[in-house]
Amino acid sequence: MNLLRVFDALWRHGHLGRAAEELGVSQPAMSHALQRMREQLGDPLFLKVRTGMQPSPRAVELAIVVQSVLSQVRTHLLTAPRFDPAQARRTFALALSDVGEAAFLPRLLARLMLDAPNIDVRTISARHADLMDRLERGKVDLAIGYFPDLGGSDVFQQRLFRHGFVCLARKQHPVARGRISARQFVELPHAVIQSESRSQELVEEYLRQHGVKRRELLHSPHFLSIPLVIASTDLIVTVPLPVGELFARIADIQVLEPPFPIPAFDLKQHWHRCQHDDPANRWLRAITLELFGEGDSGLPR
């Protein structure tokens, strides 16, 4: 590449001294570089004449090629890439659980459709090993939600917000009326969700550690059926707060504070080092933080 720059400078200036001055090298260094090109290409390339350096026929043929190569390098390698959301056409791949889709997608898609009308979104669900592989290969732009297994020096993470859990029951429940006691929690039949969402594990772990045993009438791997089940039966369920608020809007359900201090947890966005400086990824992270960031989100680490 350095020799191509030497060729280009000699071609444009037709003078060894002026070409050396532009490149910031001495005239002997410029002469040495010219000699190397002559040896590699088997042609004198530039001949010394009274007015400067005269290009050979071979140099005339090469000039267009050299300038094209250098132009491509300047455009695609040396120029910092930019991202214009209004004009960009691409697909963002987001790793979200089914609960995460309900919590994040409505607001995020509404914003993307407004600011980046040609951007598409594809969501994926993957286990930790598969997700790490996709992040490393740039197949996933962001993993948003609760992913406690994602870590290491190559994975950046940024806190968005923190929330806990709520209990849900139908509004006309004969026992749970506006509140629920520890005794009622134990005695009432429960729906237990065993989905890919890792946040549900926090509930189960807390109850195990504190010896809280309940009637687990329904075990289900899905969140989708839960609003209808709770609204039409006397079962109760414990879910993350945003999910509970969503279900309360779409079904005849009341949101109750749990009778136990189940630990809250952080929702974060995660990305791989390979995407850290990508302008499009940086823009997406900024939008996500703006929409869902709560207070001091801390610095990415």
Protein backbone atom coordinates (compact mmCIF):
# COMPACT_ATOMS: atom_id res chain seq x y z
CA MET A 1 0.00 0.00 0.00
CA ASN A 2 2.86 2.39 0.74
CA LEU A 3 4.31 1.80 -2.73
CA LEU A 4 0.90 2.52 -4.29
CA ARG A 5 0.85 5.84 -2.45
CA VAL A 6 4.32 6.59 -3.79
CA PHE A 7 3.18 5.76 -7.34
CA ASP A 8 0.09 7.97 -6.97
CA ALA A 9 2.07 10.93 -5.64
CA LEU A 10 4.64 10.68 -8.45
CA TRP A 11 1.85 10.40 -11.02
CA ARG A 12 0.05 13.49 -9.78
CA HIS A 13 3.07 15.72 -9.15
CA GLY A 14 5.46 14.47 -11.84
CA HIS A 15 8.24 15.55 -9.51
CA LEU A 16 10.23 13.50 -7.02
CA GLY A 17 10.75 16.31 -4.50
CA ARG A 18 7.12 17.47 -4.41
CA ALA A 19 5.87 13.87 -4.14
CA ALA A 20 8.28 13.25 -1.23
CA GLU A 21 7.11 16.44 0.49
CA GLU A 22 3.45 15.40 0.24
CA LEU A 23 4.15 11.98 1.75
CA GLY A 24 6.43 13.40 4.44
CA VAL A 25 9.50 11.40 3.46
CA SER A 26 13.00 12.31 2.27
CA GLN A 27 13.96 12.32 -1.40
CA PRO A 28 16.39 9.39 -0.92
CA ALA A 29 13.56 7.38 0.69
CA MET A 30 11.32 8.29 -2.25
CA SER A 31 13.99 7.19 -4.71
CA HIS A 32 14.41 3.91 -2.83
CA ALA A 33 10.65 3.25 -2.98
CA LEU A 34 10.60 4.00 -6.71
CA GLN A 35 13.46 1.55 -7.24
CA ARG A 36 11.53 -1.15 -5.36
CA MET A 37 8.52 -0.61 -7.62
CA ARG A 38 10.70 -0.78 -10.71
CA GLU A 39 12.14 -4.10 -9.57
CA GLN A 40 8.77 -5.62 -8.69
CA LEU A 41 7.02 -4.48 -11.89
CA GLY A 42 9.97 -4.81 -14.26
CA ASP A 43 9.48 -1.33 -15.69
CA PRO A 44 11.17 2.06 -15.11
CA LEU A 45 7.69 3.59 -14.45
CA PHE A 46 8.91 7.21 -14.06
CA LEU A 47 11.87 8.56 -16.02
CA LYS A 48 13.83 11.63 -14.99
CA VAL A 49 13.50 14.46 -17.51
CA ARG A 50 14.34 18.16 -17.42
CA THR A 51 10.97 19.18 -15.99
CA GLY A 52 10.61 16.35 -13.48
CA MET A 53 9.51 12.69 -13.78
CA GLN A 54 7.96 11.43 -17.01
CA PRO A 55 5.60 8.36 -16.67
CA SER A 56 6.35 5.39 -18.87
CA PRO A 57 3.61 3.79 -21.00
CA ARG A 58 3.31 1.07 -18.34
CA ALA A 59 2.82 3.72 -15.64
CA VAL A 60 0.07 5.36 -17.71
CA GLU A 61 -1.73 2.01 -17.87
CA LEU A 62 -1.37 1.45 -14.13
CA ALA A 63 -2.41 4.93 -13.01
CA ILE A 64 -6.17 4.32 -13.29
CA VAL A 65 -5.89 1.01 -11.41
CA VAL A 66 -3.76 2.50 -8.62
CA GLN A 67 -6.08 5.46 -8.13
CA SER A 68 -9.10 3.16 -8.05
CA VAL A 69 -7.50 0.93 -5.40
CA LEU A 70 -6.54 3.90 -3.23
CA SER A 71 -10.00 5.39 -3.58
CA GLN A 72 -11.58 2.14 -2.41
CA VAL A 73 -9.21 1.99 0.55
CA ARG A 74 -9.99 5.58 1.57
CA THR A 75 -13.73 5.07 1.20
CA HIS A 76 -14.13 1.71 2.87
CA LEU A 77 -11.15 1.31 5.18
CA LEU A 78 -9.91 4.73 6.24
CA THR A 79 -13.23 6.54 6.49
CA ALA A 80 -15.17 6.00 9.70
CA PRO A 81 -18.49 4.31 8.86
CA ARG A 82 -21.68 6.24 9.52
CA PHE A 83 -25.24 5.14 10.16
CA ASP A 84 -28.21 7.15 9.00
CA PRO A 85 -31.33 5.49 10.48
CA ALA A 86 -33.66 7.36 8.15
CA GLN A 87 -31.94 5.88 5.07
CA ALA A 88 -30.50 2.60 6.36
CA ARG A 89 -31.76 -0.75 5.14
CA ARG A 90 -30.81 -3.68 7.34
CA THR A 91 -32.17 -6.23 9.79
CA PHE A 92 -31.45 -6.11 13.50
CA ALA A 93 -31.39 -9.50 15.23
CA LEU A 94 -32.50 -9.34 18.87
CA ALA A 95 -32.30 -12.12 21.42
CA LEU A 96 -35.43 -11.94 23.57
CA SER A 97 -37.43 -14.37 25.65
CA ASP A 98 -41.17 -14.57 24.99
CA VAL A 99 -41.72 -12.35 28.04
CA GLY A 100 -39.04 -10.00 26.78
CA GLU A 101 -40.82 -9.63 23.48
CA ALA A 102 -43.99 -8.55 25.29
CA ALA A 103 -42.07 -6.11 27.47
CA PHE A 104 -39.73 -4.54 24.91
CA LEU A 105 -41.01 -4.96 21.36
CA PRO A 106 -44.10 -2.69 21.33
CA ARG A 107 -42.24 0.49 22.27
CA LEU A 108 -39.03 -0.43 20.45
CA LEU A 109 -40.78 -1.22 17.16
CA ALA A 110 -42.88 1.93 17.37
CA ARG A 111 -39.70 3.98 17.69
CA LEU A 112 -37.90 2.14 14.88
CA MET A 113 -40.84 2.57 12.53
CA LEU A 114 -40.75 6.30 13.24
CA ASP A 115 -37.00 6.94 13.05
CA ALA A 116 -35.81 4.10 10.81
CA PRO A 117 -38.67 3.11 8.47
CA ASN A 118 -36.53 0.71 6.39
CA ILE A 119 -35.15 -1.23 9.36
CA ASP A 120 -36.46 -4.77 9.96
CA VAL A 121 -36.28 -6.74 13.20
CA ARG A 122 -35.86 -10.46 13.72
CA THR A 123 -36.08 -11.95 17.20
CA ILE A 124 -34.40 -15.18 18.18
CA SER A 125 -34.59 -17.47 21.17
CA ALA A 126 -31.46 -19.42 22.00
CA ARG A 127 -29.80 -21.22 24.87
CA HIS A 128 -26.71 -19.70 26.44
CA ALA A 129 -24.12 -21.61 24.37
CA ASP A 130 -25.97 -20.92 21.11
CA LEU A 131 -26.50 -17.27 22.04
CA MET A 132 -22.83 -16.75 22.80
CA ASP A 133 -21.92 -18.28 19.46
CA ARG A 134 -24.34 -16.02 17.59
CA LEU A 135 -23.09 -12.94 19.42
CA GLU A 136 -19.48 -13.84 18.59
CA ARG A 137 -20.30 -14.32 14.91
CA GLY A 138 -22.32 -11.10 14.74
CA LYS A 139 -25.53 -13.00 14.09
CA VAL A 140 -27.21 -11.28 17.06
CA ASP A 141 -26.96 -7.52 17.52
CA LEU A 142 -28.37 -7.28 21.04
CA ALA A 143 -29.57 -9.61 23.76
CA ILE A 144 -32.12 -7.70 25.84
CA GLY A 145 -33.52 -8.97 29.10
CA TYR A 146 -32.36 -11.18 31.93
CA PHE A 147 -29.43 -13.31 30.75
CA PRO A 148 -27.42 -14.17 33.89
CA ASP A 149 -25.15 -16.58 32.00
CA LEU A 150 -23.88 -14.02 29.50
CA GLY A 151 -20.50 -12.71 30.61
CA GLY A 152 -16.80 -12.69 29.98
CA SER A 153 -14.43 -10.04 28.74
CA ASP A 154 -15.89 -10.08 25.22
CA VAL A 155 -19.49 -9.38 26.25
CA PHE A 156 -20.52 -5.85 27.19
CA GLN A 157 -23.61 -5.24 29.27
CA GLN A 158 -25.56 -2.18 30.31
CA ARG A 159 -28.29 -2.01 32.95
CA LEU A 160 -31.65 -0.75 31.72
CA PHE A 161 -33.94 -1.05 34.73
CA ARG A 162 -34.70 -3.13 37.79
CA HIS A 163 -38.00 -4.71 38.75
CA GLY A 164 -39.47 -7.39 40.92
CA PHE A 165 -42.43 -9.74 40.83
CA VAL A 166 -46.18 -9.53 41.34
CA CYS A 167 -48.96 -12.03 41.89
CA LEU A 168 -51.97 -12.16 39.60
CA ALA A 169 -55.52 -13.29 40.37
CA ARG A 170 -58.88 -12.75 38.74
CA LYS A 171 -60.66 -9.59 39.88
CA GLN A 172 -63.59 -11.52 41.33
CA HIS A 173 -61.40 -13.99 43.18
CA PRO A 174 -63.22 -15.26 46.32
CA VAL A 175 -60.08 -15.10 48.50
CA ALA A 176 -57.48 -12.78 46.99
CA ARG A 177 -59.20 -9.40 47.16
CA GLY A 178 -56.78 -6.53 46.70
CA ARG A 179 -54.06 -8.25 48.71
CA ILE A 180 -52.76 -11.72 49.43
CA SER A 181 -51.36 -13.04 52.69
CA ALA A 182 -48.58 -15.57 53.14
CA ARG A 183 -51.14 -18.15 54.27
CA GLN A 184 -53.33 -17.53 51.23
CA PHE A 185 -50.28 -17.77 48.97
CA VAL A 186 -49.51 -21.23 50.36
CA GLU A 187 -53.09 -22.52 50.34
CA LEU A 188 -54.33 -21.23 46.98
CA PRO A 189 -53.69 -23.24 43.80
CA HIS A 190 -50.91 -21.86 41.62
CA ALA A 191 -50.01 -21.78 37.97
CA VAL A 192 -46.25 -22.28 37.68
CA ILE A 193 -44.51 -21.10 34.51
CA GLN A 194 -41.42 -23.04 33.51
CA SER A 195 -40.40 -21.17 30.39
CA GLU A 196 -37.10 -20.16 28.81
CA SER A 197 -37.32 -16.92 30.80
CA ARG A 198 -34.61 -17.23 33.43
CA SER A 199 -36.31 -14.70 35.71
CA GLN A 200 -38.88 -17.30 36.82
CA GLU A 201 -36.04 -19.28 38.37
CA LEU A 202 -35.58 -16.50 40.91
CA VAL A 203 -39.09 -17.08 42.26
CA GLU A 204 -38.66 -20.82 42.53
CA GLU A 205 -35.23 -20.50 44.14
CA TYR A 206 -36.50 -18.03 46.74
CA LEU A 207 -39.43 -20.26 47.68
CA ARG A 208 -37.15 -23.31 47.95
CA GLN A 209 -34.62 -21.52 50.12
CA HIS A 210 -37.31 -20.27 52.51
CA GLY A 211 -39.25 -23.50 52.65
CA VAL A 212 -42.41 -22.04 51.11
CA LYS A 213 -44.51 -24.88 49.70
CA ARG A 214 -47.61 -24.22 47.62
CA ARG A 215 -50.21 -26.10 45.66
CA GLU A 216 -48.82 -26.23 42.10
CA LEU A 217 -51.95 -27.13 40.21
CA LEU A 218 -50.69 -26.13 36.76
CA HIS A 219 -47.18 -26.34 35.29
CA SER A 220 -46.80 -24.70 31.89
CA PRO A 221 -43.83 -23.74 29.70
CA HIS A 222 -45.81 -20.87 28.15
CA PHE A 223 -46.83 -17.38 29.21
CA LEU A 224 -49.41 -16.92 26.44
CA SER A 225 -52.19 -18.95 28.05
CA ILE A 226 -51.71 -17.56 31.56
CA PRO A 227 -53.98 -14.46 31.31
CA LEU A 228 -56.96 -16.56 30.22
CA VAL A 229 -56.25 -19.24 32.81
CA ILE A 230 -56.00 -16.73 35.67
CA ALA A 231 -59.02 -14.71 34.51
CA SER A 232 -61.28 -17.78 34.37
CA THR A 233 -60.13 -19.79 37.43
CA ASP A 234 -59.18 -19.30 41.07
CA LEU A 235 -55.51 -19.98 40.35
CA ILE A 236 -52.87 -17.35 41.09
CA VAL A 237 -49.50 -16.89 39.43
CA THR A 238 -46.26 -15.03 40.16
CA VAL A 239 -44.70 -13.19 37.23
CA PRO A 240 -42.31 -10.25 36.57
CA LEU A 241 -43.92 -6.87 37.12
CA PRO A 242 -44.03 -5.72 33.44
CA VAL A 243 -45.67 -9.01 32.47
CA GLY A 244 -48.24 -8.64 35.24
CA GLU A 245 -49.08 -5.11 34.16
CA LEU A 246 -49.44 -6.27 30.55
CA PHE A 247 -51.72 -9.18 31.50
CA ALA A 248 -53.87 -6.87 33.64
CA ARG A 249 -54.51 -4.69 30.58
CA ILE A 250 -55.68 -7.55 28.38
CA ALA A 251 -57.66 -9.69 30.84
CA ASP A 252 -59.92 -9.33 33.88
CA ILE A 253 -56.98 -9.66 36.28
CA GLN A 254 -55.81 -7.85 39.42
CA VAL A 255 -52.15 -7.25 40.30
CA LEU A 256 -51.19 -8.08 43.88
CA GLU A 257 -48.01 -7.53 45.84
CA PRO A 258 -46.42 -10.85 46.84
CA PRO A 259 -46.46 -11.62 50.59
CA PHE A 260 -42.74 -12.51 50.43
CA PRO A 261 -39.75 -10.27 49.55
CA ILE A 262 -38.84 -12.07 46.35
CA PRO A 263 -35.58 -10.47 45.08
CA ALA A 264 -35.78 -7.97 42.24
CA PHE A 265 -33.42 -8.28 39.27
CA ASP A 266 -31.79 -6.14 36.60
CA LEU A 267 -32.81 -6.13 32.96
CA LYS A 268 -29.83 -5.40 30.70
CA GLN A 269 -28.79 -5.13 27.09
CA HIS A 270 -25.81 -7.27 26.08
CA TRP A 271 -23.61 -7.10 22.99
CA HIS A 272 -20.36 -8.62 21.83
CA ARG A 273 -17.05 -6.82 21.46
CA CYS A 274 -17.19 -7.33 17.68
CA GLN A 275 -20.29 -5.08 17.57
CA HIS A 276 -19.09 -2.51 20.08
CA ASP A 277 -17.96 0.16 17.59
CA ASP A 278 -20.47 -0.59 14.84
CA PRO A 279 -22.41 2.66 14.27
CA ALA A 280 -25.71 0.84 13.68
CA ASN A 281 -25.32 -1.20 16.84
CA ARG A 282 -24.37 1.89 18.83
CA TRP A 283 -27.48 3.66 17.56
CA LEU A 284 -29.70 0.70 18.50
CA ARG A 285 -28.17 0.54 21.99
CA ALA A 286 -28.74 4.26 22.46
CA ILE A 287 -32.40 3.94 21.43
CA THR A 288 -32.89 0.97 23.77
CA LEU A 289 -31.32 2.85 26.67
CA GLU A 290 -33.40 5.94 25.94
CA LEU A 291 -36.64 3.96 25.86
CA PHE A 292 -36.03 1.64 28.79
CA GLY A 293 -33.17 3.09 30.83
CA GLU A 294 -34.10 3.92 34.38
CA GLY A 295 -32.02 6.37 36.37
CA ASP A 296 -28.32 5.62 36.57
CA SER A 297 -27.80 2.80 34.12
CA GLY A 298 -24.08 2.69 34.79
CA LEU A 299 -21.35 2.41 32.20
CA PRO A 300 -20.98 -0.62 29.92
CA ARG A 301 -18.35 -3.04 31.12
